[in-house]
Amino acid sequence: VGRQLGAGADTAVVLDPNAAGLTAEQFRTLVLPAYRKITARIGCPLVLHICGNTGKLLAAVSESGFAAFSFEYPAVDPADVKKSLGGRMRVVGSVPTVTHLLNGVREDVLAVSRRMLEGGVDLLAPSCFTPPETPVSNARAMREAIEAWNGLEGA
């Protein structure tokens, strides 16, 4: 992260592909203290991404010190994430990477992007990553959805 910040990054993403497999108590006992140490030591806002169904972890996630939480849809619903985090952190997500961005069509991406925006995400983003083979039209559809949401169509 230090090199990323030194190169001009404003934030970094911490990926945790395994935490959703824990119980809420295991997460609170084993993982949350480590998250708090990480967020206390890094000198920039951090985004936490956890793959899978994180519904049972959200109350503890909101106490982690991260500035934002990136979730995986449809494993969890954006409105549920927003409500569970209670304004303590921003919500990032969550256009499904494979089914929509990689293998879907523009209309799929527009529809799920609107669902994310209606659900209250603060930053529309892919669920996890963007495969290099993603059609450009699908990536652009996310921008189109944001522009339509903000009334900037044709701007």
N, C-alpha and C. Protein backbone atom coordinates (compact mmCIF):
# COMPACT_ATOMS: atom_id res chain seq x y z
N VAL A 1 0.83 -1.19 0.00
CA VAL A 1 0.00 0.00 0.00
C VAL A 1 0.87 1.25 0.00
N GLY A 2 2.00 1.19 0.69
CA GLY A 2 2.89 2.35 0.76
C GLY A 2 3.35 2.80 -0.62
N ARG A 3 3.67 1.85 -1.47
CA ARG A 3 4.10 2.19 -2.83
C ARG A 3 2.95 2.76 -3.64
N GLN A 4 1.76 2.23 -3.44
CA GLN A 4 0.60 2.77 -4.15
C GLN A 4 0.36 4.22 -3.76
N LEU A 5 0.42 4.50 -2.47
CA LEU A 5 0.23 5.87 -1.99
C LEU A 5 1.35 6.77 -2.50
N GLY A 6 2.58 6.26 -2.50
CA GLY A 6 3.71 7.03 -2.99
C GLY A 6 3.61 7.35 -4.47
N ALA A 7 2.89 6.49 -5.19
CA ALA A 7 2.71 6.71 -6.63
C ALA A 7 1.50 7.59 -6.93
N GLY A 8 0.81 8.04 -5.87
CA GLY A 8 -0.30 8.97 -6.07
C GLY A 8 -1.69 8.44 -5.79
N ALA A 9 -1.81 7.20 -5.36
CA ALA A 9 -3.13 6.67 -5.04
C ALA A 9 -3.72 7.40 -3.83
N ASP A 10 -5.03 7.57 -3.86
CA ASP A 10 -5.73 8.22 -2.75
C ASP A 10 -6.28 7.21 -1.75
N THR A 11 -6.46 5.99 -2.20
CA THR A 11 -7.04 4.95 -1.37
C THR A 11 -6.53 3.60 -1.84
N ALA A 12 -6.82 2.57 -1.08
CA ALA A 12 -6.45 1.21 -1.45
C ALA A 12 -7.59 0.28 -1.06
N VAL A 13 -7.63 -0.88 -1.70
CA VAL A 13 -8.66 -1.87 -1.42
C VAL A 13 -8.01 -3.07 -0.76
N VAL A 14 -8.59 -3.51 0.34
CA VAL A 14 -8.16 -4.73 1.01
C VAL A 14 -9.15 -5.81 0.63
N LEU A 15 -8.65 -6.90 0.05
CA LEU A 15 -9.50 -8.00 -0.39
C LEU A 15 -9.45 -9.13 0.62
N ASP A 16 -10.62 -9.61 1.03
CA ASP A 16 -10.70 -10.73 1.95
C ASP A 16 -11.67 -11.75 1.36
N PRO A 17 -11.15 -12.72 0.61
CA PRO A 17 -12.04 -13.68 -0.05
C PRO A 17 -12.56 -14.77 0.87
N ASN A 18 -12.12 -14.81 2.12
CA ASN A 18 -12.47 -15.92 3.00
C ASN A 18 -13.39 -15.57 4.16
N ALA A 19 -13.51 -14.34 4.52
CA ALA A 19 -14.22 -13.96 5.74
C ALA A 19 -15.69 -14.37 5.75
N ALA A 20 -16.33 -14.43 4.59
CA ALA A 20 -17.75 -14.79 4.55
C ALA A 20 -17.99 -16.21 5.04
N GLY A 21 -16.96 -17.03 5.09
CA GLY A 21 -17.10 -18.40 5.59
C GLY A 21 -17.07 -18.50 7.09
N LEU A 22 -16.84 -17.40 7.77
CA LEU A 22 -16.79 -17.40 9.24
C LEU A 22 -18.17 -17.09 9.82
N THR A 23 -18.37 -17.50 11.06
CA THR A 23 -19.56 -17.06 11.78
C THR A 23 -19.35 -15.61 12.19
N ALA A 24 -20.40 -14.95 12.57
CA ALA A 24 -20.28 -13.56 13.02
C ALA A 24 -19.36 -13.47 14.23
N GLU A 25 -19.45 -14.41 15.14
CA GLU A 25 -18.59 -14.40 16.33
C GLU A 25 -17.13 -14.64 15.97
N GLN A 26 -16.85 -15.60 15.09
CA GLN A 26 -15.47 -15.83 14.64
C GLN A 26 -14.91 -14.58 13.98
N PHE A 27 -15.73 -13.95 13.14
CA PHE A 27 -15.30 -12.74 12.45
C PHE A 27 -14.96 -11.65 13.47
N ARG A 28 -15.86 -11.45 14.44
CA ARG A 28 -15.66 -10.41 15.44
C ARG A 28 -14.41 -10.69 16.29
N THR A 29 -14.17 -11.93 16.63
CA THR A 29 -13.06 -12.30 17.50
C THR A 29 -11.73 -12.40 16.76
N LEU A 30 -11.74 -13.02 15.59
CA LEU A 30 -10.49 -13.31 14.89
C LEU A 30 -10.07 -12.28 13.86
N VAL A 31 -11.03 -11.69 13.16
CA VAL A 31 -10.70 -10.83 12.03
C VAL A 31 -10.82 -9.34 12.36
N LEU A 32 -11.85 -8.96 13.06
CA LEU A 32 -12.08 -7.55 13.34
C LEU A 32 -10.88 -6.86 14.02
N PRO A 33 -10.23 -7.48 15.00
CA PRO A 33 -9.05 -6.81 15.58
C PRO A 33 -7.94 -6.56 14.55
N ALA A 34 -7.75 -7.48 13.63
CA ALA A 34 -6.73 -7.28 12.59
C ALA A 34 -7.13 -6.14 11.66
N TYR A 35 -8.39 -6.09 11.29
CA TYR A 35 -8.87 -4.99 10.45
C TYR A 35 -8.64 -3.64 11.13
N ARG A 36 -8.93 -3.58 12.41
CA ARG A 36 -8.75 -2.32 13.15
C ARG A 36 -7.28 -1.89 13.16
N LYS A 37 -6.37 -2.86 13.30
CA LYS A 37 -4.93 -2.54 13.26
C LYS A 37 -4.54 -2.02 11.88
N ILE A 38 -5.03 -2.67 10.86
CA ILE A 38 -4.71 -2.26 9.49
C ILE A 38 -5.19 -0.83 9.24
N THR A 39 -6.44 -0.56 9.57
CA THR A 39 -7.00 0.77 9.27
C THR A 39 -6.35 1.86 10.12
N ALA A 40 -5.88 1.51 11.31
CA ALA A 40 -5.22 2.50 12.17
C ALA A 40 -3.82 2.84 11.66
N ARG A 41 -3.18 1.89 10.99
CA ARG A 41 -1.79 2.08 10.56
C ARG A 41 -1.63 2.66 9.17
N ILE A 42 -2.62 2.52 8.34
CA ILE A 42 -2.51 2.99 6.96
C ILE A 42 -3.03 4.43 6.91
N GLY A 43 -2.28 5.29 6.26
CA GLY A 43 -2.60 6.71 6.27
C GLY A 43 -3.52 7.18 5.16
N CYS A 44 -4.49 6.37 4.78
CA CYS A 44 -5.45 6.79 3.78
C CYS A 44 -6.76 6.04 4.00
N PRO A 45 -7.83 6.53 3.41
CA PRO A 45 -9.08 5.78 3.51
C PRO A 45 -8.94 4.44 2.78
N LEU A 46 -9.42 3.38 3.40
CA LEU A 46 -9.34 2.05 2.82
C LEU A 46 -10.72 1.50 2.53
N VAL A 47 -10.80 0.72 1.46
CA VAL A 47 -12.02 0.02 1.07
C VAL A 47 -11.81 -1.46 1.40
N LEU A 48 -12.79 -2.06 2.04
CA LEU A 48 -12.76 -3.49 2.32
C LEU A 48 -13.69 -4.21 1.36
N HIS A 49 -13.18 -5.25 0.69
CA HIS A 49 -14.03 -6.09 -0.15
C HIS A 49 -14.02 -7.50 0.42
N ILE A 50 -15.22 -8.03 0.68
CA ILE A 50 -15.37 -9.42 1.10
C ILE A 50 -16.31 -10.09 0.11
N CYS A 51 -15.85 -11.20 -0.46
CA CYS A 51 -16.66 -11.96 -1.41
C CYS A 51 -17.74 -12.75 -0.66
N GLY A 52 -18.81 -13.07 -1.37
CA GLY A 52 -19.83 -13.96 -0.83
C GLY A 52 -20.90 -13.27 -0.03
N ASN A 53 -21.66 -14.07 0.70
CA ASN A 53 -22.78 -13.56 1.51
C ASN A 53 -22.24 -13.03 2.83
N THR A 54 -22.18 -11.73 2.93
CA THR A 54 -21.61 -11.07 4.11
C THR A 54 -22.66 -10.51 5.05
N GLY A 55 -23.92 -10.83 4.81
CA GLY A 55 -24.99 -10.26 5.62
C GLY A 55 -24.77 -10.39 7.12
N LYS A 56 -24.32 -11.56 7.56
CA LYS A 56 -24.14 -11.80 9.00
C LYS A 56 -22.94 -11.06 9.59
N LEU A 57 -22.09 -10.51 8.72
CA LEU A 57 -20.88 -9.84 9.17
C LEU A 57 -20.99 -8.32 9.19
N LEU A 58 -22.04 -7.78 8.62
CA LEU A 58 -22.09 -6.34 8.37
C LEU A 58 -22.03 -5.49 9.63
N ALA A 59 -22.65 -5.92 10.71
CA ALA A 59 -22.60 -5.12 11.94
C ALA A 59 -21.16 -4.96 12.40
N ALA A 60 -20.38 -6.04 12.36
CA ALA A 60 -18.98 -5.95 12.76
C ALA A 60 -18.15 -5.20 11.73
N VAL A 61 -18.44 -5.40 10.45
CA VAL A 61 -17.71 -4.69 9.40
C VAL A 61 -17.80 -3.18 9.63
N SER A 62 -18.96 -2.73 10.08
CA SER A 62 -19.15 -1.29 10.28
C SER A 62 -18.28 -0.73 11.40
N GLU A 63 -17.70 -1.61 12.21
CA GLU A 63 -16.82 -1.20 13.32
C GLU A 63 -15.34 -1.36 12.98
N SER A 64 -15.03 -1.67 11.74
CA SER A 64 -13.68 -2.06 11.33
C SER A 64 -12.72 -0.90 11.13
N GLY A 65 -13.22 0.28 10.90
CA GLY A 65 -12.35 1.42 10.61
C GLY A 65 -12.15 1.68 9.13
N PHE A 66 -12.65 0.78 8.29
CA PHE A 66 -12.57 1.00 6.86
C PHE A 66 -13.49 2.15 6.47
N ALA A 67 -13.13 2.87 5.42
CA ALA A 67 -13.95 3.99 4.96
C ALA A 67 -15.13 3.52 4.12
N ALA A 68 -14.96 2.37 3.46
CA ALA A 68 -16.00 1.88 2.57
C ALA A 68 -16.00 0.36 2.54
N PHE A 69 -17.14 -0.19 2.17
CA PHE A 69 -17.29 -1.64 2.06
C PHE A 69 -17.78 -2.00 0.67
N SER A 70 -17.07 -2.91 0.02
CA SER A 70 -17.43 -3.42 -1.30
C SER A 70 -18.00 -4.82 -1.11
N PHE A 71 -19.19 -5.04 -1.65
CA PHE A 71 -19.90 -6.29 -1.43
C PHE A 71 -20.15 -7.00 -2.75
N GLU A 72 -20.59 -8.24 -2.65
CA GLU A 72 -20.87 -9.04 -3.82
C GLU A 72 -22.38 -9.23 -3.99
N TYR A 73 -22.89 -8.77 -5.11
CA TYR A 73 -24.29 -8.96 -5.46
C TYR A 73 -24.38 -10.09 -6.47
N PRO A 74 -25.31 -10.99 -6.37
CA PRO A 74 -26.55 -10.96 -5.59
C PRO A 74 -26.46 -11.64 -4.22
N ALA A 75 -25.26 -11.98 -3.77
CA ALA A 75 -25.13 -12.62 -2.46
C ALA A 75 -25.75 -11.77 -1.36
N VAL A 76 -25.62 -10.46 -1.47
CA VAL A 76 -26.28 -9.53 -0.56
C VAL A 76 -26.87 -8.39 -1.37
N ASP A 77 -27.93 -7.82 -0.86
CA ASP A 77 -28.66 -6.75 -1.54
C ASP A 77 -28.10 -5.39 -1.14
N PRO A 78 -27.98 -4.46 -2.08
CA PRO A 78 -27.39 -3.16 -1.74
C PRO A 78 -28.15 -2.41 -0.65
N ALA A 79 -29.45 -2.47 -0.67
CA ALA A 79 -30.23 -1.77 0.36
C ALA A 79 -29.98 -2.36 1.74
N ASP A 80 -29.82 -3.68 1.80
CA ASP A 80 -29.52 -4.33 3.08
C ASP A 80 -28.14 -3.93 3.59
N VAL A 81 -27.17 -3.86 2.68
CA VAL A 81 -25.82 -3.43 3.06
C VAL A 81 -25.87 -2.00 3.59
N LYS A 82 -26.52 -1.14 2.84
CA LYS A 82 -26.61 0.28 3.22
C LYS A 82 -27.24 0.42 4.61
N LYS A 83 -28.33 -0.27 4.82
CA LYS A 83 -29.04 -0.19 6.11
C LYS A 83 -28.19 -0.75 7.24
N SER A 84 -27.57 -1.90 7.02
CA SER A 84 -26.77 -2.54 8.07
C SER A 84 -25.56 -1.72 8.47
N LEU A 85 -24.95 -1.03 7.51
CA LEU A 85 -23.78 -0.23 7.83
C LEU A 85 -24.15 1.09 8.49
N GLY A 86 -25.39 1.47 8.40
CA GLY A 86 -25.91 2.61 9.15
C GLY A 86 -25.18 3.92 8.94
N GLY A 87 -24.64 4.14 7.76
CA GLY A 87 -23.97 5.41 7.49
C GLY A 87 -22.56 5.50 8.06
N ARG A 88 -22.07 4.43 8.68
CA ARG A 88 -20.73 4.47 9.27
C ARG A 88 -19.62 4.28 8.25
N MET A 89 -19.99 3.80 7.07
CA MET A 89 -19.02 3.68 5.98
C MET A 89 -19.75 3.75 4.65
N ARG A 90 -19.02 4.07 3.62
CA ARG A 90 -19.59 4.15 2.28
C ARG A 90 -19.82 2.74 1.73
N VAL A 91 -20.72 2.64 0.76
CA VAL A 91 -21.05 1.36 0.14
C VAL A 91 -20.60 1.38 -1.31
N VAL A 92 -19.84 0.36 -1.70
CA VAL A 92 -19.27 0.25 -3.04
C VAL A 92 -19.78 -1.04 -3.69
N GLY A 93 -20.26 -0.94 -4.91
CA GLY A 93 -20.63 -2.17 -5.62
C GLY A 93 -21.78 -1.95 -6.57
N SER A 94 -22.25 -2.95 -7.08
CA SER A 94 -21.68 -4.27 -7.13
C SER A 94 -22.25 -4.93 -8.38
N VAL A 95 -21.72 -4.51 -9.52
CA VAL A 95 -22.13 -5.11 -10.79
C VAL A 95 -21.42 -6.45 -10.91
N PRO A 96 -22.18 -7.56 -11.00
CA PRO A 96 -21.55 -8.87 -11.03
C PRO A 96 -20.52 -9.00 -12.16
N THR A 97 -19.35 -9.44 -11.77
CA THR A 97 -18.21 -9.48 -12.67
C THR A 97 -18.40 -10.42 -13.87
N VAL A 98 -18.74 -11.66 -13.60
CA VAL A 98 -18.79 -12.65 -14.68
C VAL A 98 -20.13 -12.63 -15.40
N THR A 99 -21.23 -12.73 -14.66
CA THR A 99 -22.54 -12.86 -15.31
C THR A 99 -22.96 -11.62 -16.06
N HIS A 100 -22.55 -10.44 -15.60
CA HIS A 100 -23.00 -9.20 -16.23
C HIS A 100 -21.90 -8.51 -17.04
N LEU A 101 -20.78 -8.19 -16.39
CA LEU A 101 -19.74 -7.45 -17.10
C LEU A 101 -19.07 -8.29 -18.19
N LEU A 102 -18.68 -9.49 -17.86
CA LEU A 102 -17.96 -10.32 -18.82
C LEU A 102 -18.89 -10.99 -19.83
N ASN A 103 -19.94 -11.65 -19.34
CA ASN A 103 -20.77 -12.48 -20.22
C ASN A 103 -22.14 -11.89 -20.53
N GLY A 104 -22.48 -10.77 -19.92
CA GLY A 104 -23.78 -10.17 -20.17
C GLY A 104 -23.74 -9.22 -21.35
N VAL A 105 -24.84 -8.54 -21.53
CA VAL A 105 -24.93 -7.52 -22.57
C VAL A 105 -25.19 -6.18 -21.90
N ARG A 106 -25.05 -5.13 -22.66
CA ARG A 106 -25.19 -3.76 -22.15
C ARG A 106 -26.45 -3.59 -21.31
N GLU A 107 -27.57 -4.13 -21.77
CA GLU A 107 -28.84 -3.97 -21.05
C GLU A 107 -28.80 -4.64 -19.67
N ASP A 108 -28.08 -5.77 -19.57
CA ASP A 108 -27.90 -6.42 -18.26
C ASP A 108 -27.16 -5.51 -17.29
N VAL A 109 -26.11 -4.91 -17.79
CA VAL A 109 -25.28 -4.04 -16.95
C VAL A 109 -26.06 -2.80 -16.55
N LEU A 110 -26.80 -2.21 -17.49
CA LEU A 110 -27.63 -1.04 -17.16
C LEU A 110 -28.64 -1.38 -16.07
N ALA A 111 -29.30 -2.53 -16.20
CA ALA A 111 -30.34 -2.91 -15.24
C ALA A 111 -29.77 -3.12 -13.84
N VAL A 112 -28.68 -3.86 -13.73
CA VAL A 112 -28.13 -4.12 -12.40
C VAL A 112 -27.48 -2.85 -11.84
N SER A 113 -26.94 -2.02 -12.69
CA SER A 113 -26.38 -0.75 -12.22
C SER A 113 -27.47 0.13 -11.62
N ARG A 114 -28.62 0.19 -12.29
CA ARG A 114 -29.75 0.96 -11.73
C ARG A 114 -30.18 0.38 -10.38
N ARG A 115 -30.21 -0.95 -10.29
CA ARG A 115 -30.58 -1.58 -9.02
C ARG A 115 -29.61 -1.18 -7.91
N MET A 116 -28.33 -1.13 -8.21
CA MET A 116 -27.33 -0.73 -7.22
C MET A 116 -27.55 0.72 -6.79
N LEU A 117 -27.76 1.59 -7.76
CA LEU A 117 -27.98 3.00 -7.45
C LEU A 117 -29.26 3.20 -6.64
N GLU A 118 -30.32 2.49 -7.02
CA GLU A 118 -31.57 2.56 -6.26
C GLU A 118 -31.38 2.03 -4.85
N GLY A 119 -30.51 1.05 -4.68
CA GLY A 119 -30.23 0.47 -3.37
C GLY A 119 -29.35 1.33 -2.49
N GLY A 120 -28.79 2.39 -3.05
CA GLY A 120 -28.05 3.35 -2.24
C GLY A 120 -26.54 3.25 -2.27
N VAL A 121 -25.96 2.55 -3.26
CA VAL A 121 -24.49 2.51 -3.29
C VAL A 121 -23.95 3.92 -3.45
N ASP A 122 -22.83 4.16 -2.82
CA ASP A 122 -22.17 5.46 -2.93
C ASP A 122 -21.21 5.50 -4.12
N LEU A 123 -20.73 4.32 -4.51
CA LEU A 123 -19.83 4.21 -5.65
C LEU A 123 -20.21 2.96 -6.41
N LEU A 124 -20.62 3.12 -7.65
CA LEU A 124 -20.94 1.98 -8.51
C LEU A 124 -19.63 1.39 -9.02
N ALA A 125 -19.47 0.07 -8.83
CA ALA A 125 -18.24 -0.59 -9.22
C ALA A 125 -18.52 -2.06 -9.51
N PRO A 126 -17.58 -2.74 -10.16
CA PRO A 126 -17.73 -4.19 -10.33
C PRO A 126 -17.73 -4.89 -8.97
N SER A 127 -18.36 -6.06 -8.92
CA SER A 127 -18.38 -6.83 -7.68
C SER A 127 -16.99 -7.14 -7.17
N CYS A 128 -16.10 -7.51 -8.05
CA CYS A 128 -14.79 -7.94 -7.60
C CYS A 128 -13.68 -7.30 -8.44
N PHE A 129 -13.64 -7.61 -9.70
CA PHE A 129 -12.61 -7.08 -10.59
C PHE A 129 -13.22 -6.98 -11.98
N THR A 130 -12.47 -6.42 -12.90
CA THR A 130 -12.94 -6.34 -14.27
C THR A 130 -12.03 -7.19 -15.14
N PRO A 131 -12.53 -8.32 -15.66
CA PRO A 131 -11.70 -9.16 -16.52
C PRO A 131 -11.25 -8.39 -17.76
N PRO A 132 -10.04 -8.61 -18.22
CA PRO A 132 -9.55 -7.90 -19.41
C PRO A 132 -10.43 -8.10 -20.64
N GLU A 133 -11.15 -9.22 -20.70
CA GLU A 133 -11.99 -9.52 -21.86
C GLU A 133 -13.36 -8.86 -21.79
N THR A 134 -13.63 -8.07 -20.75
CA THR A 134 -14.93 -7.41 -20.60
C THR A 134 -15.20 -6.53 -21.82
N PRO A 135 -16.37 -6.69 -22.45
CA PRO A 135 -16.70 -5.82 -23.58
C PRO A 135 -16.74 -4.35 -23.14
N VAL A 136 -16.15 -3.50 -23.93
CA VAL A 136 -16.11 -2.08 -23.61
C VAL A 136 -17.53 -1.53 -23.44
N SER A 137 -18.47 -2.02 -24.24
CA SER A 137 -19.85 -1.54 -24.14
C SER A 137 -20.43 -1.84 -22.76
N ASN A 138 -20.03 -2.93 -22.14
CA ASN A 138 -20.53 -3.24 -20.80
C ASN A 138 -19.91 -2.33 -19.74
N ALA A 139 -18.63 -2.05 -19.88
CA ALA A 139 -17.98 -1.11 -18.95
C ALA A 139 -18.59 0.28 -19.10
N ARG A 140 -18.84 0.70 -20.32
CA ARG A 140 -19.45 2.02 -20.56
C ARG A 140 -20.88 2.08 -20.04
N ALA A 141 -21.56 0.95 -20.02
CA ALA A 141 -22.95 0.94 -19.53
C ALA A 141 -23.03 1.35 -18.07
N MET A 142 -22.01 1.03 -17.29
CA MET A 142 -22.00 1.48 -15.89
C MET A 142 -21.99 3.01 -15.84
N ARG A 143 -21.13 3.62 -16.66
CA ARG A 143 -21.08 5.08 -16.71
C ARG A 143 -22.41 5.66 -17.17
N GLU A 144 -23.00 5.04 -18.18
CA GLU A 144 -24.29 5.50 -18.69
C GLU A 144 -25.35 5.46 -17.59
N ALA A 145 -25.35 4.40 -16.80
CA ALA A 145 -26.33 4.29 -15.71
C ALA A 145 -26.14 5.41 -14.70
N ILE A 146 -24.91 5.73 -14.38
CA ILE A 146 -24.62 6.81 -13.43
C ILE A 146 -25.09 8.15 -14.01
N GLU A 147 -24.77 8.37 -15.28
CA GLU A 147 -25.18 9.63 -15.90
C GLU A 147 -26.70 9.76 -15.93
N ALA A 148 -27.40 8.68 -16.25
CA ALA A 148 -28.86 8.72 -16.25
C ALA A 148 -29.39 8.96 -14.85
N TRP A 149 -28.79 8.31 -13.87
CA TRP A 149 -29.21 8.47 -12.47
C TRP A 149 -29.06 9.92 -12.01
N ASN A 150 -27.99 10.55 -12.47
CA ASN A 150 -27.71 11.94 -12.08
C ASN A 150 -28.31 12.96 -13.04
N GLY A 151 -29.12 12.49 -14.00
CA GLY A 151 -29.76 13.40 -14.93
C GLY A 151 -28.80 14.04 -15.91
N LEU A 152 -27.73 13.36 -16.24
CA LEU A 152 -26.71 13.91 -17.14
C LEU A 152 -26.72 13.28 -18.51
N GLU A 153 -27.77 12.57 -18.85
CA GLU A 153 -27.83 11.90 -20.15
C GLU A 153 -27.58 12.91 -21.26
N GLY A 154 -26.69 12.52 -22.17
CA GLY A 154 -26.39 13.37 -23.31
C GLY A 154 -25.50 14.54 -22.98
N ALA A 155 -25.00 14.60 -21.73
CA ALA A 155 -24.14 15.74 -21.35
C ALA A 155 -22.76 15.59 -21.89
